[in-house]
Amino acid sequence: MIVHLRPNISQVQAEKLAHESQAILIRKNRNYVLVTSSKVQELPTVLSEAAMEYWAFPNDLQLGSRSYHSSTRAINLGSITIGGDSMNTVLMTGPCSVESEEQLESSAQLCVELGIKVLRGGAYKPRTSPYSFQGLGLEGLRLLAKMRDRYDLQIISEVRDATHVEAVIEHVDIIQIGAKAMYDQGILRRCGQVRKPVLIKRGFGSTLQEFVQAAEFVLSGGNEQVILCERGIRTFETNTRFTLDLCGVAYLKANCNLPVVLDPSHAMGHAYGVPDLTRACVALGVDGLLIESHPDPRKALSDAAQQLDYDSFRSLYKSLDPVAASVGRTIV
């Protein structure tokens, strides 16, 4: 249940009511909001005099529910907006891993050439094998920040675990919580305390309910700038890396008030299929796309098979405008 307290409720009173009702307290503008478990279906007696309005929910998709906030939340990414009434499909691209300044600068220049405003790149890589390239770490974050300042780009990079969450928060504009970190409550709660956009990737073995509840951790911390990213789930199929759950995306669009981004690169796992899958994503009317590109994928230190070379990416980019226009959206 979500309860909006009356404007005359002080902080001391709100904290007391939160304790008595076992609720999370959120400061929203100048007012206070209480969020309890969705098991609470009737307004607690202790809140009867203090409540201005309230909502009950069938499950713990609450702050992110369209039953609470009917329109998609608008989140500013520098000069562009994702979600809201913008009808933008925001394109984010760059390498899986930051490998060198030369490599990353070429990615930044590709973004500028095509008018793309968000550069992605992994500095801390959550690899399955301990013997695989683990990323450049802080050096990679500093290179990303350098490209932001040099080319006026928004930077998105991933938090691998809680040991470097502060470094990522300091250097990037959009914090990515990866599929393998989706359940890390330390990361989720810390991201709830910041006022930067947070993109959460769905775990490859996670249900939609588990996915949106991860978002609720960040939302309940007071950070309303949350973006959901579908990147494929593990099924019985072995000829693709994962299976991109477009049915799940339709569910999220209908039931959640958060912008939805799709990552066809990780879902497909093979560059040959990324363009067609990307066009299918655009036709679904999503709010954004996260696509990996690399100056020479054959030499990439991680996920080489799924990254597009620049000519392939340019060709894909040119093909997206008519698909987006057909569903009333604009590629930015």
C-alpha atoms as a PDB file:
ATOM      1  CA  MET A   1       0.000   0.000   0.000  1.00  0.00           C
ATOM      2  CA  ILE A   2       1.113   3.550  -0.778  1.00  0.00           C
ATOM      3  CA  VAL A   3      -0.150   6.326   1.486  1.00  0.00           C
ATOM      4  CA  HIS A   4       0.236  10.043   0.796  1.00  0.00           C
ATOM      5  CA  LEU A   5       0.249  11.896   4.098  1.00  0.00           C
ATOM      6  CA  ARG A   6      -1.469  15.230   4.537  1.00  0.00           C
ATOM      7  CA  PRO A   7       0.697  18.318   3.832  1.00  0.00           C
ATOM      8  CA  ASN A   8       0.560  19.432   7.458  1.00  0.00           C
ATOM      9  CA  ILE A   9       2.313  16.268   8.701  1.00  0.00           C
ATOM     10  CA  SER A  10       5.771  17.101  10.073  1.00  0.00           C
ATOM     11  CA  GLN A  11       8.886  14.983   9.614  1.00  0.00           C
ATOM     12  CA  VAL A  12       8.756  13.854  13.229  1.00  0.00           C
ATOM     13  CA  GLN A  13       5.115  12.801  12.860  1.00  0.00           C
ATOM     14  CA  ALA A  14       5.845  11.055   9.541  1.00  0.00           C
ATOM     15  CA  GLU A  15       8.719   9.089  11.058  1.00  0.00           C
ATOM     16  CA  LYS A  16       6.527   8.040  13.981  1.00  0.00           C
ATOM     17  CA  LEU A  17       3.727   6.919  11.641  1.00  0.00           C
ATOM     18  CA  ALA A  18       6.200   4.984   9.484  1.00  0.00           C
ATOM     19  CA  HIS A  19       7.470   3.137  12.564  1.00  0.00           C
ATOM     20  CA  GLU A  20       3.975   2.357  13.840  1.00  0.00           C
ATOM     21  CA  SER A  21       2.755   1.096  10.462  1.00  0.00           C
ATOM     22  CA  GLN A  22       6.006  -0.733   9.545  1.00  0.00           C
ATOM     23  CA  ALA A  23       6.295   1.369   6.407  1.00  0.00           C
ATOM     24  CA  ILE A  24       9.117   2.865   4.352  1.00  0.00           C
ATOM     25  CA  LEU A  25       9.108   6.671   4.503  1.00  0.00           C
ATOM     26  CA  ILE A  26       9.831   8.693   1.356  1.00  0.00           C
ATOM     27  CA  ARG A  27      10.107  12.468   1.068  1.00  0.00           C
ATOM     28  CA  LYS A  28       8.358  13.561  -2.141  1.00  0.00           C
ATOM     29  CA  ASN A  29       8.668  17.248  -2.870  1.00  0.00           C
ATOM     30  CA  ARG A  30       7.559  18.771   0.451  1.00  0.00           C
ATOM     31  CA  ASN A  31       5.241  15.946   1.446  1.00  0.00           C
ATOM     32  CA  TYR A  32       5.720  12.461   2.858  1.00  0.00           C
ATOM     33  CA  VAL A  33       4.791   9.090   1.393  1.00  0.00           C
ATOM     34  CA  LEU A  34       4.557   5.781   3.244  1.00  0.00           C
ATOM     35  CA  VAL A  35       4.941   2.432   1.474  1.00  0.00           C
ATOM     36  CA  THR A  36       3.969  -0.803   3.221  1.00  0.00           C
ATOM     37  CA  SER A  37       3.900  -4.394   2.033  1.00  0.00           C
ATOM     38  CA  SER A  38       1.241  -5.069  -0.592  1.00  0.00           C
ATOM     39  CA  LYS A  39      -0.229  -7.552   1.877  1.00  0.00           C
ATOM     40  CA  VAL A  40      -1.780  -4.501   3.548  1.00  0.00           C
ATOM     41  CA  GLN A  41      -5.065  -4.042   1.710  1.00  0.00           C
ATOM     42  CA  GLU A  42      -6.918  -1.760   4.122  1.00  0.00           C
ATOM     43  CA  LEU A  43      -5.684   1.550   5.503  1.00  0.00           C
ATOM     44  CA  PRO A  44      -4.153   0.932   8.963  1.00  0.00           C
ATOM     45  CA  THR A  45      -6.094   2.620  11.731  1.00  0.00           C
ATOM     46  CA  VAL A  46      -2.998   4.473  12.872  1.00  0.00           C
ATOM     47  CA  LEU A  47      -2.931   6.286   9.508  1.00  0.00           C
ATOM     48  CA  SER A  48      -6.627   7.102   9.240  1.00  0.00           C
ATOM     49  CA  GLU A  49      -6.258  10.724  10.387  1.00  0.00           C
ATOM     50  CA  ALA A  50      -2.973  11.423   8.626  1.00  0.00           C
ATOM     51  CA  ALA A  51      -3.706   9.932   5.187  1.00  0.00           C
ATOM     52  CA  MET A  52      -4.665  12.222   2.312  1.00  0.00           C
ATOM     53  CA  GLU A  53      -5.004   9.417  -0.275  1.00  0.00           C
ATOM     54  CA  TYR A  54      -3.859   5.821  -0.629  1.00  0.00           C
ATOM     55  CA  TRP A  55      -3.587   2.904  -3.062  1.00  0.00           C
ATOM     56  CA  ALA A  56      -3.652  -0.860  -2.484  1.00  0.00           C
ATOM     57  CA  PHE A  57      -1.899  -3.288  -4.868  1.00  0.00           C
ATOM     58  CA  PRO A  58      -2.127  -7.020  -5.637  1.00  0.00           C
ATOM     59  CA  ASN A  59       1.679  -7.438  -5.360  1.00  0.00           C
ATOM     60  CA  ASP A  60       4.825  -5.466  -4.572  1.00  0.00           C
ATOM     61  CA  LEU A  61       4.906  -3.669  -7.899  1.00  0.00           C
ATOM     62  CA  GLN A  62       3.757  -0.448  -6.236  1.00  0.00           C
ATOM     63  CA  LEU A  63       5.757   2.734  -6.831  1.00  0.00           C
ATOM     64  CA  GLY A  64       6.485   1.501 -10.344  1.00  0.00           C
ATOM     65  CA  SER A  65       2.874   0.574 -11.068  1.00  0.00           C
ATOM     66  CA  ARG A  66       0.665   2.363 -13.579  1.00  0.00           C
ATOM     67  CA  SER A  67      -2.134   1.980 -11.043  1.00  0.00           C
ATOM     68  CA  TYR A  68      -0.218   4.489  -8.924  1.00  0.00           C
ATOM     69  CA  HIS A  69       1.301   6.722 -11.618  1.00  0.00           C
ATOM     70  CA  SER A  70      -0.468   6.134 -14.917  1.00  0.00           C
ATOM     71  CA  SER A  71       2.005   7.721 -17.336  1.00  0.00           C
ATOM     72  CA  THR A  72       5.577   6.661 -18.054  1.00  0.00           C
ATOM     73  CA  ARG A  73       8.052   8.547 -15.895  1.00  0.00           C
ATOM     74  CA  ALA A  74      10.172  11.082 -17.761  1.00  0.00           C
ATOM     75  CA  ILE A  75      13.922  10.934 -17.078  1.00  0.00           C
ATOM     76  CA  ASN A  76      16.353  13.525 -18.392  1.00  0.00           C
ATOM     77  CA  LEU A  77      19.578  12.226 -19.913  1.00  0.00           C
ATOM     78  CA  GLY A  78      21.434  15.450 -20.515  1.00  0.00           C
ATOM     79  CA  SER A  79      19.775  17.226 -23.439  1.00  0.00           C
ATOM     80  CA  ILE A  80      17.347  14.386 -24.219  1.00  0.00           C
ATOM     81  CA  THR A  81      14.467  12.750 -22.366  1.00  0.00           C
ATOM     82  CA  ILE A  82      13.626   9.078 -22.085  1.00  0.00           C
ATOM     83  CA  GLY A  83      10.060   8.141 -21.222  1.00  0.00           C
ATOM     84  CA  GLY A  84       7.308  10.623 -20.435  1.00  0.00           C
ATOM     85  CA  ASP A  85       5.546  12.139 -23.449  1.00  0.00           C
ATOM     86  CA  SER A  86       8.739  12.392 -25.488  1.00  0.00           C
ATOM     87  CA  MET A  87       8.067   9.437 -27.833  1.00  0.00           C
ATOM     88  CA  ASN A  88      11.850   9.106 -28.051  1.00  0.00           C
ATOM     89  CA  THR A  89      13.640   5.825 -28.538  1.00  0.00           C
ATOM     90  CA  VAL A  90      17.027   6.633 -27.052  1.00  0.00           C
ATOM     91  CA  LEU A  91      19.967   4.837 -28.650  1.00  0.00           C
ATOM     92  CA  MET A  92      22.975   3.977 -26.473  1.00  0.00           C
ATOM     93  CA  THR A  93      26.075   2.399 -27.975  1.00  0.00           C
ATOM     94  CA  GLY A  94      29.728   1.681 -27.348  1.00  0.00           C
ATOM     95  CA  PRO A  95      31.957  -1.284 -26.598  1.00  0.00           C
ATOM     96  CA  CYS A  96      31.233  -4.063 -24.151  1.00  0.00           C
ATOM     97  CA  SER A  97      34.488  -3.210 -22.358  1.00  0.00           C
ATOM     98  CA  VAL A  98      36.636  -0.105 -22.253  1.00  0.00           C
ATOM     99  CA  GLU A  99      39.973  -1.363 -23.567  1.00  0.00           C
ATOM    100  CA  SER A 100      41.980   1.772 -24.393  1.00  0.00           C
ATOM    101  CA  GLU A 101      41.594   5.503 -24.886  1.00  0.00           C
ATOM    102  CA  GLU A 102      42.012   5.102 -28.642  1.00  0.00           C
ATOM    103  CA  GLN A 103      39.227   2.498 -28.809  1.00  0.00           C
ATOM    104  CA  LEU A 104      36.864   4.524 -26.644  1.00  0.00           C
ATOM    105  CA  GLU A 105      37.513   7.759 -28.485  1.00  0.00           C
ATOM    106  CA  SER A 106      36.588   6.102 -31.772  1.00  0.00           C
ATOM    107  CA  SER A 107      33.301   5.032 -30.153  1.00  0.00           C
ATOM    108  CA  ALA A 108      32.663   8.567 -28.929  1.00  0.00           C
ATOM    109  CA  GLN A 109      33.341   9.924 -32.410  1.00  0.00           C
ATOM    110  CA  LEU A 110      30.863   7.437 -33.879  1.00  0.00           C
ATOM    111  CA  CYS A 111      28.230   8.722 -31.443  1.00  0.00           C
ATOM    112  CA  VAL A 112      28.902  12.321 -32.456  1.00  0.00           C
ATOM    113  CA  GLU A 113      28.804  11.418 -36.154  1.00  0.00           C
ATOM    114  CA  LEU A 114      25.348   9.850 -35.820  1.00  0.00           C
ATOM    115  CA  GLY A 115      23.944  12.253 -33.238  1.00  0.00           C
ATOM    116  CA  ILE A 116      23.812   9.622 -30.478  1.00  0.00           C
ATOM    117  CA  LYS A 117      23.945  11.181 -27.021  1.00  0.00           C
ATOM    118  CA  VAL A 118      24.703   8.195 -24.749  1.00  0.00           C
ATOM    119  CA  LEU A 119      28.007   6.301 -24.786  1.00  0.00           C
ATOM    120  CA  ARG A 120      28.200   2.936 -23.043  1.00  0.00           C
ATOM    121  CA  GLY A 121      31.283   1.079 -21.914  1.00  0.00           C
ATOM    122  CA  GLY A 122      32.110  -1.432 -19.203  1.00  0.00           C
ATOM    123  CA  ALA A 123      34.878  -0.601 -16.730  1.00  0.00           C
ATOM    124  CA  TYR A 124      34.145  -3.388 -14.230  1.00  0.00           C
ATOM    125  CA  LYS A 125      33.145  -6.591 -16.013  1.00  0.00           C
ATOM    126  CA  PRO A 126      31.178  -9.318 -14.189  1.00  0.00           C
ATOM    127  CA  ARG A 127      32.690 -12.179 -16.165  1.00  0.00           C
ATOM    128  CA  THR A 128      31.609 -15.783 -15.676  1.00  0.00           C
ATOM    129  CA  SER A 129      35.228 -16.985 -15.740  1.00  0.00           C
ATOM    130  CA  PRO A 130      37.906 -15.564 -13.426  1.00  0.00           C
ATOM    131  CA  TYR A 131      40.406 -15.936 -16.302  1.00  0.00           C
ATOM    132  CA  SER A 132      38.541 -13.592 -18.659  1.00  0.00           C
ATOM    133  CA  PHE A 133      39.245  -9.878 -19.022  1.00  0.00           C
ATOM    134  CA  GLN A 134      37.792  -8.158 -15.945  1.00  0.00           C
ATOM    135  CA  GLY A 135      37.860  -4.577 -17.237  1.00  0.00           C
ATOM    136  CA  LEU A 136      40.135  -1.599 -16.628  1.00  0.00           C
ATOM    137  CA  GLY A 137      38.333  -0.607 -13.440  1.00  0.00           C
ATOM    138  CA  LEU A 138      38.849   2.963 -12.260  1.00  0.00           C
ATOM    139  CA  GLU A 139      41.062   3.737 -15.250  1.00  0.00           C
ATOM    140  CA  GLY A 140      38.154   2.766 -17.510  1.00  0.00           C
ATOM    141  CA  LEU A 141      35.774   5.052 -15.615  1.00  0.00           C
ATOM    142  CA  ARG A 142      38.211   7.940 -15.980  1.00  0.00           C
ATOM    143  CA  LEU A 143      38.455   7.349 -19.717  1.00  0.00           C
ATOM    144  CA  LEU A 144      34.654   7.361 -19.972  1.00  0.00           C
ATOM    145  CA  ALA A 145      34.483  10.619 -18.029  1.00  0.00           C
ATOM    146  CA  LYS A 146      37.104  12.084 -20.353  1.00  0.00           C
ATOM    147  CA  MET A 147      34.980  11.210 -23.400  1.00  0.00           C
ATOM    148  CA  ARG A 148      31.936  12.801 -21.747  1.00  0.00           C
ATOM    149  CA  ASP A 149      33.795  16.051 -21.215  1.00  0.00           C
ATOM    150  CA  ARG A 150      35.457  16.021 -24.627  1.00  0.00           C
ATOM    151  CA  TYR A 151      32.371  15.153 -26.710  1.00  0.00           C
ATOM    152  CA  ASP A 152      29.440  16.263 -24.512  1.00  0.00           C
ATOM    153  CA  LEU A 153      28.041  12.754 -24.132  1.00  0.00           C
ATOM    154  CA  GLN A 154      26.103  11.028 -21.365  1.00  0.00           C
ATOM    155  CA  ILE A 155      27.989   8.037 -19.965  1.00  0.00           C
ATOM    156  CA  ILE A 156      26.485   4.731 -18.823  1.00  0.00           C
ATOM    157  CA  SER A 157      28.588   2.055 -17.147  1.00  0.00           C
ATOM    158  CA  GLU A 158      27.946  -0.963 -14.963  1.00  0.00           C
ATOM    159  CA  VAL A 159      28.317  -1.575 -11.255  1.00  0.00           C
ATOM    160  CA  ARG A 160      29.667  -5.114 -10.834  1.00  0.00           C
ATOM    161  CA  ASP A 161      29.533  -5.279  -7.045  1.00  0.00           C
ATOM    162  CA  ALA A 162      29.331  -3.062  -3.967  1.00  0.00           C
ATOM    163  CA  THR A 163      33.123  -2.611  -3.683  1.00  0.00           C
ATOM    164  CA  HIS A 164      33.192   0.053  -6.401  1.00  0.00           C
ATOM    165  CA  VAL A 165      29.652   1.425  -6.430  1.00  0.00           C
ATOM    166  CA  GLU A 166      30.882   4.816  -5.181  1.00  0.00           C
ATOM    167  CA  ALA A 167      33.448   5.090  -7.989  1.00  0.00           C
ATOM    168  CA  VAL A 168      30.804   4.358 -10.630  1.00  0.00           C
ATOM    169  CA  ILE A 169      28.359   6.846  -9.087  1.00  0.00           C
ATOM    170  CA  GLU A 170      31.077   9.520  -9.120  1.00  0.00           C
ATOM    171  CA  HIS A 171      32.139   9.091 -12.755  1.00  0.00           C
ATOM    172  CA  VAL A 172      29.017   8.184 -14.768  1.00  0.00           C
ATOM    173  CA  ASP A 173      25.750   9.901 -15.658  1.00  0.00           C
ATOM    174  CA  ILE A 174      23.636   6.728 -15.786  1.00  0.00           C
ATOM    175  CA  ILE A 175      24.323   3.878 -13.379  1.00  0.00           C
ATOM    176  CA  GLN A 176      23.813   0.407 -14.854  1.00  0.00           C
ATOM    177  CA  ILE A 177      22.991  -2.461 -12.515  1.00  0.00           C
ATOM    178  CA  GLY A 178      23.813  -5.575 -14.506  1.00  0.00           C
ATOM    179  CA  ALA A 179      21.883  -8.812 -14.775  1.00  0.00           C
ATOM    180  CA  LYS A 180      24.216 -10.563 -12.338  1.00  0.00           C
ATOM    181  CA  ALA A 181      23.889  -7.735  -9.776  1.00  0.00           C
ATOM    182  CA  MET A 182      20.108  -7.335  -9.966  1.00  0.00           C
ATOM    183  CA  TYR A 183      19.636  -9.020  -6.587  1.00  0.00           C
ATOM    184  CA  ASP A 184      22.440  -7.123  -4.813  1.00  0.00           C
ATOM    185  CA  GLN A 185      20.485  -5.151  -2.222  1.00  0.00           C
ATOM    186  CA  GLY A 186      23.564  -3.164  -1.207  1.00  0.00           C
ATOM    187  CA  ILE A 187      23.851  -1.768  -4.739  1.00  0.00           C
ATOM    188  CA  LEU A 188      20.093  -1.272  -5.093  1.00  0.00           C
ATOM    189  CA  ARG A 189      19.745   0.573  -1.796  1.00  0.00           C
ATOM    190  CA  ARG A 190      22.770   2.777  -2.490  1.00  0.00           C
ATOM    191  CA  CYS A 191      21.365   3.686  -5.900  1.00  0.00           C
ATOM    192  CA  GLY A 192      18.108   4.594  -4.175  1.00  0.00           C
ATOM    193  CA  GLN A 193      20.002   7.310  -2.299  1.00  0.00           C
ATOM    194  CA  VAL A 194      21.506   9.021  -5.355  1.00  0.00           C
ATOM    195  CA  ARG A 195      19.732  11.328  -7.773  1.00  0.00           C
ATOM    196  CA  LYS A 196      21.064   9.939 -11.011  1.00  0.00           C
ATOM    197  CA  PRO A 197      19.289   7.694 -13.527  1.00  0.00           C
ATOM    198  CA  VAL A 198      19.659   3.989 -12.775  1.00  0.00           C
ATOM    199  CA  LEU A 199      19.229   1.336 -15.469  1.00  0.00           C
ATOM    200  CA  ILE A 200      18.489  -2.138 -14.099  1.00  0.00           C
ATOM    201  CA  LYS A 201      19.018  -5.162 -16.318  1.00  0.00           C
ATOM    202  CA  ARG A 202      16.783  -8.173 -15.812  1.00  0.00           C
ATOM    203  CA  GLY A 203      18.585 -11.245 -14.515  1.00  0.00           C
ATOM    204  CA  PHE A 204      18.612 -14.066 -17.044  1.00  0.00           C
ATOM    205  CA  GLY A 205      16.820 -16.366 -14.579  1.00  0.00           C
ATOM    206  CA  SER A 206      14.499 -13.766 -13.059  1.00  0.00           C
ATOM    207  CA  THR A 207      10.733 -13.503 -13.312  1.00  0.00           C
ATOM    208  CA  LEU A 208       9.115 -10.221 -14.250  1.00  0.00           C
ATOM    209  CA  GLN A 209       7.901  -9.837 -10.669  1.00  0.00           C
ATOM    210  CA  GLU A 210      11.432 -10.236  -9.312  1.00  0.00           C
ATOM    211  CA  PHE A 211      12.643  -7.748 -11.909  1.00  0.00           C
ATOM    212  CA  VAL A 212      10.194  -5.008 -10.973  1.00  0.00           C
ATOM    213  CA  GLN A 213      10.761  -5.621  -7.269  1.00  0.00           C
ATOM    214  CA  ALA A 214      14.466  -4.864  -7.822  1.00  0.00           C
ATOM    215  CA  ALA A 215      13.332  -1.528  -9.229  1.00  0.00           C
ATOM    216  CA  GLU A 216      11.139  -0.995  -6.167  1.00  0.00           C
ATOM    217  CA  PHE A 217      14.252  -1.141  -3.957  1.00  0.00           C
ATOM    218  CA  VAL A 218      15.641   1.899  -5.796  1.00  0.00           C
ATOM    219  CA  LEU A 219      12.294   3.702  -5.994  1.00  0.00           C
ATOM    220  CA  SER A 220      11.585   3.168  -2.304  1.00  0.00           C
ATOM    221  CA  GLY A 221      14.921   4.795  -1.505  1.00  0.00           C
ATOM    222  CA  GLY A 222      13.594   8.006  -3.041  1.00  0.00           C
ATOM    223  CA  ASN A 223      15.246   7.829  -6.475  1.00  0.00           C
ATOM    224  CA  GLU A 224      12.478   8.002  -9.076  1.00  0.00           C
ATOM    225  CA  GLN A 225      14.870   7.882 -12.057  1.00  0.00           C
ATOM    226  CA  VAL A 226      14.732   4.149 -12.794  1.00  0.00           C
ATOM    227  CA  ILE A 227      14.898   2.516 -16.227  1.00  0.00           C
ATOM    228  CA  LEU A 228      14.171  -1.168 -16.864  1.00  0.00           C
ATOM    229  CA  CYS A 229      16.277  -3.123 -19.368  1.00  0.00           C
ATOM    230  CA  GLU A 230      15.257  -6.479 -20.847  1.00  0.00           C
ATOM    231  CA  ARG A 231      18.341  -8.331 -22.148  1.00  0.00           C
ATOM    232  CA  GLY A 232      17.167 -11.901 -22.577  1.00  0.00           C
ATOM    233  CA  ILE A 233      16.395 -14.815 -20.308  1.00  0.00           C
ATOM    234  CA  ARG A 234      17.787 -18.332 -20.256  1.00  0.00           C
ATOM    235  CA  THR A 235      15.528 -20.914 -21.933  1.00  0.00           C
ATOM    236  CA  PHE A 236      16.069 -24.368 -23.428  1.00  0.00           C
ATOM    237  CA  GLU A 237      17.320 -22.794 -26.695  1.00  0.00           C
ATOM    238  CA  THR A 238      21.091 -23.024 -27.261  1.00  0.00           C
ATOM    239  CA  ASN A 239      21.557 -21.524 -30.744  1.00  0.00           C
ATOM    240  CA  THR A 240      21.211 -18.007 -29.375  1.00  0.00           C
ATOM    241  CA  ARG A 241      22.842 -16.704 -26.215  1.00  0.00           C
ATOM    242  CA  PHE A 242      19.505 -15.953 -24.531  1.00  0.00           C
ATOM    243  CA  THR A 243      15.867 -15.487 -25.521  1.00  0.00           C
ATOM    244  CA  LEU A 244      14.695 -11.867 -25.677  1.00  0.00           C
ATOM    245  CA  ASP A 245      11.381 -11.763 -23.825  1.00  0.00           C
ATOM    246  CA  LEU A 246       9.288  -9.415 -25.955  1.00  0.00           C
ATOM    247  CA  CYS A 247       6.155 -10.755 -24.261  1.00  0.00           C
ATOM    248  CA  GLY A 248       7.633  -9.594 -20.982  1.00  0.00           C
ATOM    249  CA  VAL A 249       8.319  -6.174 -22.484  1.00  0.00           C
ATOM    250  CA  ALA A 250       4.660  -5.888 -23.494  1.00  0.00           C
ATOM    251  CA  TYR A 251       3.758  -6.681 -19.868  1.00  0.00           C
ATOM    252  CA  LEU A 252       6.156  -4.047 -18.537  1.00  0.00           C
ATOM    253  CA  LYS A 253       4.841  -1.392 -20.911  1.00  0.00           C
ATOM    254  CA  ALA A 254       1.258  -2.102 -19.865  1.00  0.00           C
ATOM    255  CA  ASN A 255       1.812  -2.383 -16.113  1.00  0.00           C
ATOM    256  CA  CYS A 256       4.902  -0.348 -15.173  1.00  0.00           C
ATOM    257  CA  ASN A 257       5.390   3.407 -15.232  1.00  0.00           C
ATOM    258  CA  LEU A 258       9.139   3.139 -15.850  1.00  0.00           C
ATOM    259  CA  PRO A 259      10.871   3.590 -19.230  1.00  0.00           C
ATOM    260  CA  VAL A 260      11.806   0.282 -20.887  1.00  0.00           C
ATOM    261  CA  VAL A 261      15.070  -0.307 -22.784  1.00  0.00           C
ATOM    262  CA  LEU A 262      15.996  -3.420 -24.766  1.00  0.00           C
ATOM    263  CA  ASP A 263      19.463  -4.919 -25.228  1.00  0.00           C
ATOM    264  CA  PRO A 264      19.437  -7.085 -28.380  1.00  0.00           C
ATOM    265  CA  SER A 265      23.217  -7.577 -28.303  1.00  0.00           C
ATOM    266  CA  HIS A 266      23.282  -9.688 -25.139  1.00  0.00           C
ATOM    267  CA  ALA A 267      20.081 -11.496 -26.040  1.00  0.00           C
ATOM    268  CA  MET A 268      21.237 -12.651 -29.469  1.00  0.00           C
ATOM    269  CA  GLY A 269      24.891 -13.154 -28.660  1.00  0.00           C
ATOM    270  CA  HIS A 270      25.808 -13.108 -32.378  1.00  0.00           C
ATOM    271  CA  ALA A 271      26.300  -9.952 -34.426  1.00  0.00           C
ATOM    272  CA  TYR A 272      24.510 -11.322 -37.506  1.00  0.00           C
ATOM    273  CA  GLY A 273      21.164 -11.330 -35.679  1.00  0.00           C
ATOM    274  CA  VAL A 274      21.421  -8.018 -33.835  1.00  0.00           C
ATOM    275  CA  PRO A 275      20.107  -5.728 -36.645  1.00  0.00           C
ATOM    276  CA  ASP A 276      16.896  -7.706 -37.243  1.00  0.00           C
ATOM    277  CA  LEU A 277      16.292  -8.090 -33.529  1.00  0.00           C
ATOM    278  CA  THR A 278      16.884  -4.361 -33.011  1.00  0.00           C
ATOM    279  CA  ARG A 279      14.299  -3.461 -35.639  1.00  0.00           C
ATOM    280  CA  ALA A 280      11.807  -5.766 -33.930  1.00  0.00           C
ATOM    281  CA  CYS A 281      12.507  -3.968 -30.643  1.00  0.00           C
ATOM    282  CA  VAL A 282      11.905  -0.572 -32.241  1.00  0.00           C
ATOM    283  CA  ALA A 283       8.616  -1.799 -33.701  1.00  0.00           C
ATOM    284  CA  LEU A 284       7.515  -2.674 -30.172  1.00  0.00           C
ATOM    285  CA  GLY A 285       7.671   1.031 -29.318  1.00  0.00           C
ATOM    286  CA  VAL A 286      10.277   0.838 -26.564  1.00  0.00           C
ATOM    287  CA  ASP A 287      11.894   3.847 -24.892  1.00  0.00           C
ATOM    288  CA  GLY A 288      15.492   2.925 -25.626  1.00  0.00           C
ATOM    289  CA  LEU A 289      18.046   0.508 -27.073  1.00  0.00           C
ATOM    290  CA  LEU A 290      21.423  -0.600 -25.747  1.00  0.00           C
ATOM    291  CA  ILE A 291      23.594  -1.929 -28.590  1.00  0.00           C
ATOM    292  CA  GLU A 292      27.245  -2.912 -28.450  1.00  0.00           C
ATOM    293  CA  SER A 293      29.651  -1.661 -31.125  1.00  0.00           C
ATOM    294  CA  HIS A 294      33.417  -1.951 -31.483  1.00  0.00           C
ATOM    295  CA  PRO A 295      36.019  -0.680 -33.990  1.00  0.00           C
ATOM    296  CA  ASP A 296      37.212  -4.261 -34.589  1.00  0.00           C
ATOM    297  CA  PRO A 297      35.044  -6.886 -32.853  1.00  0.00           C
ATOM    298  CA  ARG A 298      37.495  -9.655 -33.765  1.00  0.00           C
ATOM    299  CA  LYS A 299      39.968  -8.099 -31.305  1.00  0.00           C
ATOM    300  CA  ALA A 300      37.455  -7.306 -28.563  1.00  0.00           C
ATOM    301  CA  LEU A 301      38.479  -8.488 -25.100  1.00  0.00           C
ATOM    302  CA  SER A 302      34.911  -9.427 -24.122  1.00  0.00           C
ATOM    303  CA  ASP A 303      31.731 -10.486 -25.952  1.00  0.00           C
ATOM    304  CA  ALA A 304      33.482 -10.271 -29.337  1.00  0.00           C
ATOM    305  CA  ALA A 305      30.844 -12.316 -31.182  1.00  0.00           C
ATOM    306  CA  GLN A 306      27.931  -9.971 -30.476  1.00  0.00           C
ATOM    307  CA  GLN A 307      29.473  -6.544 -31.108  1.00  0.00           C
ATOM    308  CA  LEU A 308      28.790  -4.731 -34.376  1.00  0.00           C
ATOM    309  CA  ASP A 309      31.620  -3.147 -36.332  1.00  0.00           C
ATOM    310  CA  TYR A 310      31.076   0.514 -37.163  1.00  0.00           C
ATOM    311  CA  ASP A 311      29.959   0.009 -40.766  1.00  0.00           C
ATOM    312  CA  SER A 312      27.374  -2.538 -39.646  1.00  0.00           C
ATOM    313  CA  PHE A 313      26.219  -0.199 -36.903  1.00  0.00           C
ATOM    314  CA  ARG A 314      25.887   2.711 -39.351  1.00  0.00           C
ATOM    315  CA  SER A 315      23.809   0.545 -41.654  1.00  0.00           C
ATOM    316  CA  LEU A 316      21.589  -0.542 -38.771  1.00  0.00           C
ATOM    317  CA  TYR A 317      21.184   3.037 -37.578  1.00  0.00           C
ATOM    318  CA  LYS A 318      19.984   4.215 -40.994  1.00  0.00           C
ATOM    319  CA  SER A 319      17.362   1.465 -41.072  1.00  0.00           C
ATOM    320  CA  LEU A 320      15.755   2.399 -37.745  1.00  0.00           C
ATOM    321  CA  ASP A 321      14.126   5.740 -38.577  1.00  0.00           C
ATOM    322  CA  PRO A 322      11.346   4.343 -40.807  1.00  0.00           C
ATOM    323  CA  VAL A 323      10.583   1.559 -38.328  1.00  0.00           C
ATOM    324  CA  ALA A 324      10.382   4.062 -35.478  1.00  0.00           C
ATOM    325  CA  ALA A 325       8.225   6.433 -37.548  1.00  0.00           C
ATOM    326  CA  SER A 326       5.775   3.612 -38.249  1.00  0.00           C
ATOM    327  CA  VAL A 327       4.974   3.394 -34.524  1.00  0.00           C
ATOM    328  CA  GLY A 328       5.086   7.150 -33.904  1.00  0.00           C
ATOM    329  CA  ARG A 329       8.537   7.295 -32.341  1.00  0.00           C
ATOM    330  CA  THR A 330      11.819   9.072 -33.047  1.00  0.00           C
ATOM    331  CA  ILE A 331      15.337   7.636 -32.751  1.00  0.00           C
ATOM    332  CA  VAL A 332      17.555   9.981 -30.718  1.00  0.00           C
END
